[in-house]
Amino acid sequence: MAKLKLGAIADDKPVRLTVEFPAPVHRDLLAYAEVLAREIGQPIPDPLKLVAPMLARFMATDRAFVKTRRRNQTAGEG
């Protein structure tokens, strides 16, 4: 089986956001949670908790974003 990009979810103090997902995205999120639960051998009690790590992983692997962010931090912009 292929290794998923996410692993166990870290317990961290959250910031609450309200978002709406298209139904197909929500169904895929539920399916992803099922596959992840089988892979890590632990149930995923709330698949919505996967959204933050997925988004973080996406941003961390987006080369253009990382490059721009690094350049802005070097320039003192954040």
Protein backbone atom coordinates (compact mmCIF):
# COMPACT_ATOMS: atom_id res chain seq x y z
CA MET A 1 0.00 0.00 0.00
CA ALA A 2 1.22 3.51 -0.78
CA LYS A 3 2.23 5.66 2.16
CA LEU A 4 -0.11 8.58 2.81
CA LYS A 5 1.31 12.07 3.23
CA LEU A 6 -0.32 12.49 6.66
CA GLY A 7 0.46 10.59 9.81
CA ALA A 8 -0.93 10.85 13.32
CA ILE A 9 -2.47 14.22 14.11
CA ALA A 10 -0.67 16.32 16.74
CA ASP A 11 -2.76 17.70 19.58
CA ASP A 12 -2.36 21.47 19.42
CA LYS A 13 -4.40 24.49 20.52
CA PRO A 14 -6.69 25.23 17.57
CA VAL A 15 -7.98 28.44 16.04
CA ARG A 16 -11.61 28.01 15.03
CA LEU A 17 -12.55 28.69 11.42
CA THR A 18 -15.82 28.05 9.65
CA VAL A 19 -15.54 26.78 6.09
CA GLU A 20 -17.84 25.16 3.57
CA PHE A 21 -16.69 22.25 1.44
CA PRO A 22 -18.26 21.03 -1.77
CA ALA A 23 -19.94 17.66 -1.17
CA PRO A 24 -17.38 15.71 -3.26
CA VAL A 25 -14.51 17.20 -1.22
CA HIS A 26 -16.25 16.23 2.02
CA ARG A 27 -16.81 12.67 0.75
CA ASP A 28 -13.14 12.45 -0.21
CA LEU A 29 -12.13 13.74 3.22
CA LEU A 30 -14.20 11.02 4.88
CA ALA A 31 -12.69 8.39 2.59
CA TYR A 32 -9.18 9.70 3.31
CA ALA A 33 -9.88 9.46 7.05
CA GLU A 34 -10.93 5.82 6.65
CA VAL A 35 -7.75 4.94 4.75
CA LEU A 36 -5.57 6.85 7.22
CA ALA A 37 -7.25 5.13 10.17
CA ARG A 38 -6.42 1.74 8.65
CA GLU A 39 -2.84 2.79 7.90
CA ILE A 40 -2.04 4.14 11.38
CA GLY A 41 -4.17 1.59 13.22
CA GLN A 42 -6.15 4.22 15.11
CA PRO A 43 -9.64 5.56 14.53
CA ILE A 44 -10.02 9.13 13.27
CA PRO A 45 -12.77 10.45 15.55
CA ASP A 46 -13.27 13.68 13.58
CA PRO A 47 -12.17 13.70 9.93
CA LEU A 48 -12.41 17.50 9.89
CA LYS A 49 -9.29 17.56 12.08
CA LEU A 50 -7.39 16.33 9.02
CA VAL A 51 -7.98 19.60 7.16
CA ALA A 52 -5.37 21.63 9.06
CA PRO A 53 -2.53 19.08 8.65
CA MET A 54 -3.48 18.63 4.98
CA LEU A 55 -3.36 22.36 4.41
CA ALA A 56 -0.08 22.68 6.32
CA ARG A 57 1.43 19.84 4.27
CA PHE A 58 0.23 21.45 1.05
CA MET A 59 1.78 24.81 1.95
CA ALA A 60 5.03 23.20 3.12
CA THR A 61 5.43 21.39 -0.20
CA ASP A 62 4.39 24.27 -2.47
CA ARG A 63 7.78 25.35 -3.78
CA ALA A 64 6.64 28.77 -5.00
CA PHE A 65 5.05 29.56 -1.63
CA VAL A 66 8.08 28.35 0.35
CA LYS A 67 10.44 30.33 -1.86
CA THR A 68 8.37 33.52 -1.58
CA ARG A 69 7.91 33.12 2.15
CA ARG A 70 11.63 32.56 2.68
CA ARG A 71 12.44 35.63 0.58
CA ASN A 72 9.92 37.76 2.53
CA GLN A 73 11.27 36.57 5.89
CA THR A 74 14.80 37.40 4.79
CA ALA A 75 13.60 40.87 3.76
CA GLY A 76 11.95 41.29 7.19
CA GLU A 77 8.35 41.16 5.94
CA GLY A 78 7.16 38.30 8.08
